[in-house]
PDB file of all heavy atoms in Angstrom:
ATOM      1  N   GLY A   1      93.125  32.994  49.249  1.00  0.00           N
ATOM      2  CA  GLY A   1      91.927  33.499  48.585  1.00  0.00           C
ATOM      3  C   GLY A   1      90.697  32.695  48.965  1.00  0.00           C
ATOM      4  O   GLY A   1      90.775  31.558  49.437  1.00  0.00           O
ATOM      5  N   ILE A   2      89.522  33.290  48.738  1.00  0.00           N
ATOM      6  CA  ILE A   2      88.266  32.712  49.208  1.00  0.00           C
ATOM      7  C   ILE A   2      87.415  32.224  48.035  1.00  0.00           C
ATOM      8  O   ILE A   2      87.286  32.912  47.013  1.00  0.00           O
ATOM      9  CB  ILE A   2      87.474  33.748  50.045  1.00  0.00           C
ATOM     10  CG1 ILE A   2      88.224  34.057  51.344  1.00  0.00           C
ATOM     11  CG2 ILE A   2      86.060  33.255  50.347  1.00  0.00           C
ATOM     12  CD1 ILE A   2      88.403  32.865  52.267  1.00  0.00           C
ATOM     13  N   PHE A   3      86.834  31.057  48.216  1.00  0.00           N
ATOM     14  CA  PHE A   3      85.890  30.474  47.269  1.00  0.00           C
ATOM     15  C   PHE A   3      84.526  30.418  47.944  1.00  0.00           C
ATOM     16  O   PHE A   3      84.368  29.766  48.982  1.00  0.00           O
ATOM     17  CB  PHE A   3      86.356  29.073  46.871  1.00  0.00           C
ATOM     18  CG  PHE A   3      85.473  28.357  45.881  1.00  0.00           C
ATOM     19  CD1 PHE A   3      84.772  29.048  44.890  1.00  0.00           C
ATOM     20  CD2 PHE A   3      85.360  26.971  45.915  1.00  0.00           C
ATOM     21  CE1 PHE A   3      83.982  28.368  43.961  1.00  0.00           C
ATOM     22  CE2 PHE A   3      84.575  26.285  44.993  1.00  0.00           C
ATOM     23  CZ  PHE A   3      83.884  26.988  44.028  1.00  0.00           C
ATOM     24  N   TYR A   4      83.548  31.114  47.366  1.00  0.00           N
ATOM     25  CA  TYR A   4      82.187  31.136  47.903  1.00  0.00           C
ATOM     26  C   TYR A   4      81.253  30.586  46.831  1.00  0.00           C
ATOM     27  O   TYR A   4      81.224  31.094  45.708  1.00  0.00           O
ATOM     28  CB  TYR A   4      81.778  32.561  48.275  1.00  0.00           C
ATOM     29  CG  TYR A   4      80.345  32.692  48.745  1.00  0.00           C
ATOM     30  CD1 TYR A   4      80.023  32.632  50.092  1.00  0.00           C
ATOM     31  CD2 TYR A   4      79.303  32.865  47.837  1.00  0.00           C
ATOM     32  CE1 TYR A   4      78.706  32.742  50.534  1.00  0.00           C
ATOM     33  CE2 TYR A   4      77.987  32.975  48.260  1.00  0.00           C
ATOM     34  CZ  TYR A   4      77.706  32.906  49.593  1.00  0.00           C
ATOM     35  OH  TYR A   4      76.388  33.009  50.022  1.00  0.00           O
ATOM     36  N   PHE A   5      80.491  29.551  47.163  1.00  0.00           N
ATOM     37  CA  PHE A   5      79.575  28.982  46.176  1.00  0.00           C
ATOM     38  C   PHE A   5      78.381  28.361  46.870  1.00  0.00           C
ATOM     39  O   PHE A   5      78.370  28.139  48.089  1.00  0.00           O
ATOM     40  CB  PHE A   5      80.293  27.935  45.319  1.00  0.00           C
ATOM     41  CG  PHE A   5      80.727  26.691  46.048  1.00  0.00           C
ATOM     42  CD1 PHE A   5      79.992  25.517  45.975  1.00  0.00           C
ATOM     43  CD2 PHE A   5      81.896  26.686  46.810  1.00  0.00           C
ATOM     44  CE1 PHE A   5      80.394  24.371  46.638  1.00  0.00           C
ATOM     45  CE2 PHE A   5      82.317  25.541  47.473  1.00  0.00           C
ATOM     46  CZ  PHE A   5      81.559  24.380  47.395  1.00  0.00           C
ATOM     47  N   ASP A   6      77.336  28.109  46.096  1.00  0.00           N
ATOM     48  CA  ASP A   6      76.169  27.417  46.633  1.00  0.00           C
ATOM     49  C   ASP A   6      75.877  26.183  45.790  1.00  0.00           C
ATOM     50  O   ASP A   6      76.355  26.049  44.663  1.00  0.00           O
ATOM     51  CB  ASP A   6      74.956  28.349  46.731  1.00  0.00           C
ATOM     52  CG  ASP A   6      74.425  28.818  45.378  1.00  0.00           C
ATOM     53  OD1 ASP A   6      74.573  28.096  44.377  1.00  0.00           O
ATOM     54  OD2 ASP A   6      73.826  29.906  45.316  1.00  0.00           O
ATOM     55  N   PHE A   7      75.087  25.291  46.355  1.00  0.00           N
ATOM     56  CA  PHE A   7      74.666  24.107  45.611  1.00  0.00           C
ATOM     57  C   PHE A   7      73.325  23.613  46.140  1.00  0.00           C
ATOM     58  O   PHE A   7      72.990  23.817  47.308  1.00  0.00           O
ATOM     59  CB  PHE A   7      75.724  22.985  45.686  1.00  0.00           C
ATOM     60  CG  PHE A   7      75.891  22.362  47.050  1.00  0.00           C
ATOM     61  CD1 PHE A   7      75.221  21.189  47.387  1.00  0.00           C
ATOM     62  CD2 PHE A   7      76.737  22.925  47.995  1.00  0.00           C
ATOM     63  CE1 PHE A   7      75.372  20.609  48.630  1.00  0.00           C
ATOM     64  CE2 PHE A   7      76.908  22.350  49.248  1.00  0.00           C
ATOM     65  CZ  PHE A   7      76.218  21.187  49.570  1.00  0.00           C
ATOM     66  N   ASN A   8      72.571  22.984  45.255  1.00  0.00           N
ATOM     67  CA  ASN A   8      71.322  22.340  45.633  1.00  0.00           C
ATOM     68  C   ASN A   8      71.614  20.970  46.218  1.00  0.00           C
ATOM     69  O   ASN A   8      72.497  20.251  45.750  1.00  0.00           O
ATOM     70  CB  ASN A   8      70.395  22.184  44.421  1.00  0.00           C
ATOM     71  CG  ASN A   8      69.740  23.489  44.021  1.00  0.00           C
ATOM     72  OD1 ASN A   8      69.595  24.402  44.825  1.00  0.00           O
ATOM     73  ND2 ASN A   8      69.335  23.573  42.764  1.00  0.00           N
ATOM     74  N   THR A   9      70.842  20.602  47.228  1.00  0.00           N
ATOM     75  CA  THR A   9      71.082  19.356  47.945  1.00  0.00           C
ATOM     76  C   THR A   9      70.289  18.195  47.341  1.00  0.00           C
ATOM     77  O   THR A   9      69.321  18.390  46.604  1.00  0.00           O
ATOM     78  CB  THR A   9      70.681  19.499  49.415  1.00  0.00           C
ATOM     79  OG1 THR A   9      69.274  19.788  49.481  1.00  0.00           O
ATOM     80  CG2 THR A   9      71.458  20.627  50.096  1.00  0.00           C
ATOM     81  N   ILE A  10      70.701  16.997  47.701  1.00  0.00           N
ATOM     82  CA  ILE A  10      69.939  15.803  47.339  1.00  0.00           C
ATOM     83  C   ILE A  10      68.521  15.918  47.883  1.00  0.00           C
ATOM     84  O   ILE A  10      67.545  15.558  47.200  1.00  0.00           O
ATOM     85  CB  ILE A  10      70.635  14.541  47.884  1.00  0.00           C
ATOM     86  CG1 ILE A  10      72.005  14.358  47.219  1.00  0.00           C
ATOM     87  CG2 ILE A  10      69.763  13.303  47.689  1.00  0.00           C
ATOM     88  CD1 ILE A  10      72.859  13.280  47.859  1.00  0.00           C
ATOM     89  N   TYR A  11      68.388  16.422  49.106  1.00  0.00           N
ATOM     90  CA  TYR A  11      67.062  16.581  49.714  1.00  0.00           C
ATOM     91  C   TYR A  11      66.146  17.416  48.824  1.00  0.00           C
ATOM     92  O   TYR A  11      64.971  17.072  48.630  1.00  0.00           O
ATOM     93  CB  TYR A  11      67.196  17.243  51.090  1.00  0.00           C
ATOM     94  CG  TYR A  11      65.861  17.585  51.721  1.00  0.00           C
ATOM     95  CD1 TYR A  11      65.157  16.644  52.449  1.00  0.00           C
ATOM     96  CD2 TYR A  11      65.308  18.855  51.558  1.00  0.00           C
ATOM     97  CE1 TYR A  11      63.918  16.951  53.010  1.00  0.00           C
ATOM     98  CE2 TYR A  11      64.075  19.169  52.105  1.00  0.00           C
ATOM     99  CZ  TYR A  11      63.382  18.210  52.835  1.00  0.00           C
ATOM    100  OH  TYR A  11      62.157  18.531  53.375  1.00  0.00           O
ATOM    101  N   LYS A  12      66.653  18.507  48.268  1.00  0.00           N
ATOM    102  CA  LYS A  12      65.814  19.370  47.433  1.00  0.00           C
ATOM    103  C   LYS A  12      65.313  18.623  46.205  1.00  0.00           C
ATOM    104  O   LYS A  12      64.127  18.674  45.872  1.00  0.00           O
ATOM    105  CB  LYS A  12      66.590  20.614  47.004  1.00  0.00           C
ATOM    106  CG  LYS A  12      65.781  21.533  46.089  1.00  0.00           C
ATOM    107  CD  LYS A  12      66.525  22.809  45.772  1.00  0.00           C
ATOM    108  CE  LYS A  12      65.683  23.724  44.885  1.00  0.00           C
ATOM    109  NZ  LYS A  12      66.350  25.003  44.629  1.00  0.00           N
ATOM    110  N   TYR A  13      66.219  17.950  45.522  1.00  0.00           N
ATOM    111  CA  TYR A  13      65.812  17.249  44.307  1.00  0.00           C
ATOM    112  C   TYR A  13      64.866  16.095  44.620  1.00  0.00           C
ATOM    113  O   TYR A  13      63.892  15.866  43.907  1.00  0.00           O
ATOM    114  CB  TYR A  13      67.049  16.724  43.563  1.00  0.00           C
ATOM    115  CG  TYR A  13      67.898  17.809  42.959  1.00  0.00           C
ATOM    116  CD1 TYR A  13      69.237  17.932  43.290  1.00  0.00           C
ATOM    117  CD2 TYR A  13      67.364  18.715  42.056  1.00  0.00           C
ATOM    118  CE1 TYR A  13      70.034  18.927  42.734  1.00  0.00           C
ATOM    119  CE2 TYR A  13      68.139  19.715  41.498  1.00  0.00           C
ATOM    120  CZ  TYR A  13      69.473  19.825  41.841  1.00  0.00           C
ATOM    121  OH  TYR A  13      70.255  20.818  41.293  1.00  0.00           O
ATOM    122  N   ARG A  14      65.139  15.356  45.681  1.00  0.00           N
ATOM    123  CA  ARG A  14      64.346  14.177  45.996  1.00  0.00           C
ATOM    124  C   ARG A  14      62.997  14.536  46.611  1.00  0.00           C
ATOM    125  O   ARG A  14      61.959  13.990  46.214  1.00  0.00           O
ATOM    126  CB  ARG A  14      65.124  13.270  46.946  1.00  0.00           C
ATOM    127  CG  ARG A  14      64.354  12.024  47.377  1.00  0.00           C
ATOM    128  CD  ARG A  14      65.028  11.373  48.566  1.00  0.00           C
ATOM    129  NE  ARG A  14      66.295  10.757  48.208  1.00  0.00           N
ATOM    130  CZ  ARG A  14      67.366  10.707  49.019  1.00  0.00           C
ATOM    131  NH1 ARG A  14      67.314  11.283  50.206  1.00  0.00           N
ATOM    132  NH2 ARG A  14      68.468  10.110  48.625  1.00  0.00           N
ATOM    133  N   GLU A  15      62.999  15.448  47.580  1.00  0.00           N
ATOM    134  CA  GLU A  15      61.800  15.682  48.390  1.00  0.00           C
ATOM    135  C   GLU A  15      60.999  16.921  48.007  1.00  0.00           C
ATOM    136  O   GLU A  15      59.796  16.988  48.288  1.00  0.00           O
ATOM    137  CB  GLU A  15      62.200  15.796  49.876  1.00  0.00           C
ATOM    138  CG  GLU A  15      62.995  14.621  50.414  1.00  0.00           C
ATOM    139  CD  GLU A  15      62.182  13.339  50.452  1.00  0.00           C
ATOM    140  OE1 GLU A  15      60.941  13.417  50.447  1.00  0.00           O
ATOM    141  OE2 GLU A  15      62.799  12.256  50.478  1.00  0.00           O
ATOM    142  N   VAL A  16      61.639  17.895  47.394  1.00  0.00           N
ATOM    143  CA  VAL A  16      60.948  19.173  47.166  1.00  0.00           C
ATOM    144  C   VAL A  16      60.464  19.311  45.720  1.00  0.00           C
ATOM    145  O   VAL A  16      59.279  19.563  45.477  1.00  0.00           O
ATOM    146  CB  VAL A  16      61.856  20.363  47.544  1.00  0.00           C
ATOM    147  CG1 VAL A  16      61.128  21.683  47.311  1.00  0.00           C
ATOM    148  CG2 VAL A  16      62.301  20.247  48.993  1.00  0.00           C
ATOM    149  N   ILE A  17      61.372  19.159  44.768  1.00  0.00           N
ATOM    150  CA  ILE A  17      60.925  19.316  43.379  1.00  0.00           C
ATOM    151  C   ILE A  17      60.693  17.982  42.693  1.00  0.00           C
ATOM    152  O   ILE A  17      59.790  17.855  41.868  1.00  0.00           O
ATOM    153  CB  ILE A  17      61.888  20.201  42.557  1.00  0.00           C
ATOM    154  CG1 ILE A  17      63.305  19.641  42.567  1.00  0.00           C
ATOM    155  CG2 ILE A  17      61.884  21.617  43.073  1.00  0.00           C
ATOM    156  CD1 ILE A  17      64.254  20.472  41.719  1.00  0.00           C
ATOM    157  N   GLY A  18      61.474  16.954  43.071  1.00  0.00           N
ATOM    158  CA  GLY A  18      61.223  15.588  42.640  1.00  0.00           C
ATOM    159  C   GLY A  18      60.631  15.438  41.259  1.00  0.00           C
ATOM    160  O   GLY A  18      61.040  16.096  40.308  1.00  0.00           O
ATOM    161  N   ASP A  19      59.647  14.570  41.143  1.00  0.00           N
ATOM    162  CA  ASP A  19      58.953  14.368  39.873  1.00  0.00           C
ATOM    163  C   ASP A  19      57.745  15.290  39.823  1.00  0.00           C
ATOM    164  O   ASP A  19      56.612  14.888  40.088  1.00  0.00           O
ATOM    165  CB  ASP A  19      58.525  12.897  39.723  1.00  0.00           C
ATOM    166  CG  ASP A  19      59.720  11.972  39.609  1.00  0.00           C
ATOM    167  OD1 ASP A  19      60.693  12.361  38.951  1.00  0.00           O
ATOM    168  OD2 ASP A  19      59.675  10.870  40.183  1.00  0.00           O
ATOM    169  N   SER A  20      57.997  16.535  39.493  1.00  0.00           N
ATOM    170  CA  SER A  20      56.929  17.544  39.497  1.00  0.00           C
ATOM    171  C   SER A  20      56.962  18.350  38.210  1.00  0.00           C
ATOM    172  O   SER A  20      57.944  18.334  37.468  1.00  0.00           O
ATOM    173  CB  SER A  20      57.085  18.483  40.699  1.00  0.00           C
ATOM    174  OG  SER A  20      58.304  19.209  40.606  1.00  0.00           O
ATOM    175  N   THR A  21      55.869  19.034  37.969  1.00  0.00           N
ATOM    176  CA  THR A  21      55.756  19.897  36.797  1.00  0.00           C
ATOM    177  C   THR A  21      55.385  21.308  37.245  1.00  0.00           C
ATOM    178  O   THR A  21      54.483  21.496  38.066  1.00  0.00           O
ATOM    179  CB  THR A  21      54.686  19.379  35.817  1.00  0.00           C
ATOM    180  OG1 THR A  21      55.061  18.070  35.388  1.00  0.00           O
ATOM    181  CG2 THR A  21      54.548  20.290  34.615  1.00  0.00           C
ATOM    182  N   ILE A  22      56.105  22.280  36.711  1.00  0.00           N
ATOM    183  CA  ILE A  22      55.848  23.695  37.016  1.00  0.00           C
ATOM    184  C   ILE A  22      55.503  24.386  35.713  1.00  0.00           C
ATOM    185  O   ILE A  22      56.201  24.230  34.708  1.00  0.00           O
ATOM    186  CB  ILE A  22      57.094  24.356  37.643  1.00  0.00           C
ATOM    187  CG1 ILE A  22      57.553  23.591  38.892  1.00  0.00           C
ATOM    188  CG2 ILE A  22      56.816  25.822  37.979  1.00  0.00           C
ATOM    189  CD1 ILE A  22      58.934  23.981  39.375  1.00  0.00           C
ATOM    190  N   ALA A  23      54.425  25.139  35.721  1.00  0.00           N
ATOM    191  CA  ALA A  23      54.041  25.908  34.536  1.00  0.00           C
ATOM    192  C   ALA A  23      53.825  27.357  34.931  1.00  0.00           C
ATOM    193  O   ALA A  23      53.293  27.655  36.006  1.00  0.00           O
ATOM    194  CB  ALA A  23      52.770  25.342  33.913  1.00  0.00           C
ATOM    195  N   GLU A  24      54.277  28.265  34.075  1.00  0.00           N
ATOM    196  CA  GLU A  24      54.137  29.690  34.373  1.00  0.00           C
ATOM    197  C   GLU A  24      53.827  30.443  33.090  1.00  0.00           C
ATOM    198  O   GLU A  24      54.420  30.186  32.043  1.00  0.00           O
ATOM    199  CB  GLU A  24      55.432  30.214  35.003  1.00  0.00           C
ATOM    200  CG  GLU A  24      55.271  31.577  35.643  1.00  0.00           C
ATOM    201  CD  GLU A  24      56.443  31.916  36.556  1.00  0.00           C
ATOM    202  OE1 GLU A  24      56.936  31.031  37.279  1.00  0.00           O
ATOM    203  OE2 GLU A  24      56.854  33.091  36.530  1.00  0.00           O
ATOM    204  N   ASN A  25      52.888  31.352  33.186  1.00  0.00           N
ATOM    205  CA  ASN A  25      52.435  32.112  32.016  1.00  0.00           C
ATOM    206  C   ASN A  25      52.767  33.584  32.212  1.00  0.00           C
ATOM    207  O   ASN A  25      52.363  34.192  33.193  1.00  0.00           O
ATOM    208  CB  ASN A  25      50.925  31.924  31.829  1.00  0.00           C
ATOM    209  CG  ASN A  25      50.437  32.531  30.534  1.00  0.00           C
ATOM    210  OD1 ASN A  25      51.164  32.567  29.552  1.00  0.00           O
ATOM    211  ND2 ASN A  25      49.201  33.017  30.526  1.00  0.00           N
ATOM    212  N   ARG A  26      53.538  34.140  31.289  1.00  0.00           N
ATOM    213  CA  ARG A  26      53.865  35.561  31.307  1.00  0.00           C
ATOM    214  C   ARG A  26      53.261  36.217  30.065  1.00  0.00           C
ATOM    215  O   ARG A  26      52.763  35.538  29.166  1.00  0.00           O
ATOM    216  CB  ARG A  26      55.389  35.765  31.313  1.00  0.00           C
ATOM    217  CG  ARG A  26      56.109  35.065  32.465  1.00  0.00           C
ATOM    218  CD  ARG A  26      55.843  35.708  33.804  1.00  0.00           C
ATOM    219  NE  ARG A  26      56.586  35.045  34.877  1.00  0.00           N
ATOM    220  CZ  ARG A  26      57.777  35.426  35.307  1.00  0.00           C
ATOM    221  NH1 ARG A  26      58.394  36.443  34.735  1.00  0.00           N
ATOM    222  NH2 ARG A  26      58.373  34.777  36.294  1.00  0.00           N
ATOM    223  N   GLU A  27      53.352  37.527  30.005  1.00  0.00           N
ATOM    224  CA  GLU A  27      52.724  38.243  28.890  1.00  0.00           C
ATOM    225  C   GLU A  27      53.356  37.882  27.552  1.00  0.00           C
ATOM    226  O   GLU A  27      52.658  37.696  26.555  1.00  0.00           O
ATOM    227  CB  GLU A  27      52.824  39.754  29.127  1.00  0.00           C
ATOM    228  CG  GLU A  27      52.126  40.574  28.040  1.00  0.00           C
ATOM    229  CD  GLU A  27      52.170  42.072  28.313  1.00  0.00           C
ATOM    230  OE1 GLU A  27      52.708  42.484  29.374  1.00  0.00           O
ATOM    231  OE2 GLU A  27      51.687  42.829  27.459  1.00  0.00           O
ATOM    232  N   HIS A  28      54.672  37.793  27.524  1.00  0.00           N
ATOM    233  CA  HIS A  28      55.363  37.571  26.250  1.00  0.00           C
ATOM    234  C   HIS A  28      56.012  36.197  26.133  1.00  0.00           C
ATOM    235  O   HIS A  28      56.586  35.880  25.103  1.00  0.00           O
ATOM    236  CB  HIS A  28      56.410  38.667  26.030  1.00  0.00           C
ATOM    237  CG  HIS A  28      55.820  40.042  25.964  1.00  0.00           C
ATOM    238  ND1 HIS A  28      55.019  40.456  24.935  1.00  0.00           N
ATOM    239  CD2 HIS A  28      55.907  41.089  26.842  1.00  0.00           C
ATOM    240  CE1 HIS A  28      54.640  41.713  25.144  1.00  0.00           C
ATOM    241  NE2 HIS A  28      55.161  42.116  26.297  1.00  0.00           N
ATOM    242  N   CYS A  29      55.951  35.401  27.177  1.00  0.00           N
ATOM    243  CA  CYS A  29      56.480  34.039  27.096  1.00  0.00           C
ATOM    244  C   CYS A  29      55.909  33.206  28.243  1.00  0.00           C
ATOM    245  O   CYS A  29      55.546  33.733  29.295  1.00  0.00           O
ATOM    246  CB  CYS A  29      58.004  34.027  27.124  1.00  0.00           C
ATOM    247  SG  CYS A  29      58.751  34.859  28.536  1.00  0.00           S
ATOM    248  N   SER A  30      55.859  31.924  28.014  1.00  0.00           N
ATOM    249  CA  SER A  30      55.370  30.973  29.011  1.00  0.00           C
ATOM    250  C   SER A  30      56.282  29.748  28.982  1.00  0.00           C
ATOM    251  O   SER A  30      57.011  29.528  28.009  1.00  0.00           O
ATOM    252  CB  SER A  30      53.932  30.555  28.703  1.00  0.00           C
ATOM    253  OG  SER A  30      53.086  31.682  28.587  1.00  0.00           O
ATOM    254  N   PHE A  31      56.222  28.957  30.053  1.00  0.00           N
ATOM    255  CA  PHE A  31      57.037  27.746  30.047  1.00  0.00           C
ATOM    256  C   PHE A  31      56.367  26.625  30.817  1.00  0.00           C
ATOM    257  O   PHE A  31      55.528  26.863  31.698  1.00  0.00           O
ATOM    258  CB  PHE A  31      58.442  28.016  30.608  1.00  0.00           C
ATOM    259  CG  PHE A  31      58.495  28.176  32.112  1.00  0.00           C
ATOM    260  CD1 PHE A  31      58.650  27.076  32.940  1.00  0.00           C
ATOM    261  CD2 PHE A  31      58.420  29.439  32.692  1.00  0.00           C
ATOM    262  CE1 PHE A  31      58.709  27.222  34.320  1.00  0.00           C
ATOM    263  CE2 PHE A  31      58.483  29.592  34.070  1.00  0.00           C
ATOM    264  CZ  PHE A  31      58.633  28.476  34.887  1.00  0.00           C
ATOM    265  N   ILE A  32      56.746  25.421  30.472  1.00  0.00           N
ATOM    266  CA  ILE A  32      56.390  24.214  31.219  1.00  0.00           C
ATOM    267  C   ILE A  32      57.699  23.555  31.619  1.00  0.00           C
ATOM    268  O   ILE A  32      58.544  23.260  30.773  1.00  0.00           O
ATOM    269  CB  ILE A  32      55.550  23.242  30.371  1.00  0.00           C
ATOM    270  CG1 ILE A  32      54.269  23.930  29.877  1.00  0.00           C
ATOM    271  CG2 ILE A  32      55.199  21.989  31.180  1.00  0.00           C
ATOM    272  CD1 ILE A  32      53.520  23.129  28.842  1.00  0.00           C
ATOM    273  N   TRP A  33      57.886  23.375  32.916  1.00  0.00           N
ATOM    274  CA  TRP A  33      59.144  22.882  33.473  1.00  0.00           C
ATOM    275  C   TRP A  33      58.857  21.536  34.129  1.00  0.00           C
ATOM    276  O   TRP A  33      58.204  21.477  35.168  1.00  0.00           O
ATOM    277  CB  TRP A  33      59.659  23.884  34.494  1.00  0.00           C
ATOM    278  CG  TRP A  33      61.042  23.671  35.024  1.00  0.00           C
ATOM    279  CD1 TRP A  33      61.505  22.590  35.713  1.00  0.00           C
ATOM    280  CD2 TRP A  33      62.145  24.577  34.909  1.00  0.00           C
ATOM    281  NE1 TRP A  33      62.826  22.758  36.055  1.00  0.00           N
ATOM    282  CE2 TRP A  33      63.244  23.973  35.564  1.00  0.00           C
ATOM    283  CE3 TRP A  33      62.309  25.835  34.333  1.00  0.00           C
ATOM    284  CZ2 TRP A  33      64.489  24.592  35.661  1.00  0.00           C
ATOM    285  CZ3 TRP A  33      63.548  26.443  34.423  1.00  0.00           C
ATOM    286  CH2 TRP A  33      64.624  25.832  35.075  1.00  0.00           C
ATOM    287  N   GLU A  34      59.349  20.452  33.538  1.00  0.00           N
ATOM    288  CA  GLU A  34      59.079  19.103  34.040  1.00  0.00           C
ATOM    289  C   GLU A  34      60.349  18.521  34.653  1.00  0.00           C
ATOM    290  O   GLU A  34      61.403  18.488  34.008  1.00  0.00           O
ATOM    291  CB  GLU A  34      58.591  18.204  32.906  1.00  0.00           C
ATOM    292  CG  GLU A  34      57.276  18.686  32.289  1.00  0.00           C
ATOM    293  CD  GLU A  34      56.903  17.904  31.048  1.00  0.00           C
ATOM    294  OE1 GLU A  34      57.502  18.196  29.990  1.00  0.00           O
ATOM    295  OE2 GLU A  34      56.042  17.012  31.142  1.00  0.00           O
ATOM    296  N   ASN A  35      60.241  18.068  35.904  1.00  0.00           N
ATOM    297  CA  ASN A  35      61.378  17.494  36.629  1.00  0.00           C
ATOM    298  C   ASN A  35      61.244  15.981  36.708  1.00  0.00           C
ATOM    299  O   ASN A  35      60.144  15.463  36.947  1.00  0.00           O
ATOM    300  CB  ASN A  35      61.434  18.036  38.067  1.00  0.00           C
ATOM    301  CG  ASN A  35      61.712  19.509  38.127  1.00  0.00           C
ATOM    302  OD1 ASN A  35      62.799  19.957  37.811  1.00  0.00           O
ATOM    303  ND2 ASN A  35      60.725  20.282  38.533  1.00  0.00           N
ATOM    304  N   TYR A  36      62.363  15.305  36.548  1.00  0.00           N
ATOM    305  CA  TYR A  36      62.407  13.859  36.718  1.00  0.00           C
ATOM    306  C   TYR A  36      63.646  13.525  37.543  1.00  0.00           C
ATOM    307  O   TYR A  36      64.773  13.709  37.077  1.00  0.00           O
ATOM    308  CB  TYR A  36      62.481  13.144  35.363  1.00  0.00           C
ATOM    309  CG  TYR A  36      61.371  13.515  34.413  1.00  0.00           C
ATOM    310  CD1 TYR A  36      61.579  14.500  33.448  1.00  0.00           C
ATOM    311  CD2 TYR A  36      60.129  12.894  34.477  1.00  0.00           C
ATOM    312  CE1 TYR A  36      60.562  14.850  32.570  1.00  0.00           C
ATOM    313  CE2 TYR A  36      59.104  13.240  33.608  1.00  0.00           C
ATOM    314  CZ  TYR A  36      59.324  14.215  32.653  1.00  0.00           C
ATOM    315  OH  TYR A  36      58.326  14.569  31.797  1.00  0.00           O
ATOM    316  N   TYR A  37      63.424  13.042  38.767  1.00  0.00           N
ATOM    317  CA  TYR A  37      64.550  12.744  39.650  1.00  0.00           C
ATOM    318  C   TYR A  37      64.904  11.270  39.581  1.00  0.00           C
ATOM    319  O   TYR A  37      64.032  10.398  39.657  1.00  0.00           O
ATOM    320  CB  TYR A  37      64.212  13.131  41.091  1.00  0.00           C
ATOM    321  CG  TYR A  37      65.303  12.772  42.074  1.00  0.00           C
ATOM    322  CD1 TYR A  37      66.521  13.449  42.053  1.00  0.00           C
ATOM    323  CD2 TYR A  37      65.127  11.748  42.996  1.00  0.00           C
ATOM    324  CE1 TYR A  37      67.535  13.124  42.936  1.00  0.00           C
ATOM    325  CE2 TYR A  37      66.142  11.415  43.890  1.00  0.00           C
ATOM    326  CZ  TYR A  37      67.337  12.101  43.856  1.00  0.00           C
ATOM    327  OH  TYR A  37      68.350  11.775  44.718  1.00  0.00           O
ATOM    328  N   GLN A  38      66.186  10.995  39.435  1.00  0.00           N
ATOM    329  CA  GLN A  38      66.697   9.628  39.413  1.00  0.00           C
ATOM    330  C   GLN A  38      67.545   9.413  40.664  1.00  0.00           C
ATOM    331  O   GLN A  38      68.575  10.078  40.832  1.00  0.00           O
ATOM    332  CB  GLN A  38      67.554   9.393  38.169  1.00  0.00           C
ATOM    333  CG  GLN A  38      66.860   9.731  36.860  1.00  0.00           C
ATOM    334  CD  GLN A  38      67.857   9.858  35.722  1.00  0.00           C
ATOM    335  OE1 GLN A  38      68.887   9.200  35.701  1.00  0.00           O
ATOM    336  NE2 GLN A  38      67.539  10.725  34.757  1.00  0.00           N
TER     337      GLN A  38
END
């Protein structure tokens, strides 16, 4: 049988999203997404 899966890399967490903040505003909900990489 076959196992198919994906995963995020260390590179993504360290170099791409790292210590960043993402905010998004929608009509019925909004969010603030804060990342902290260790």
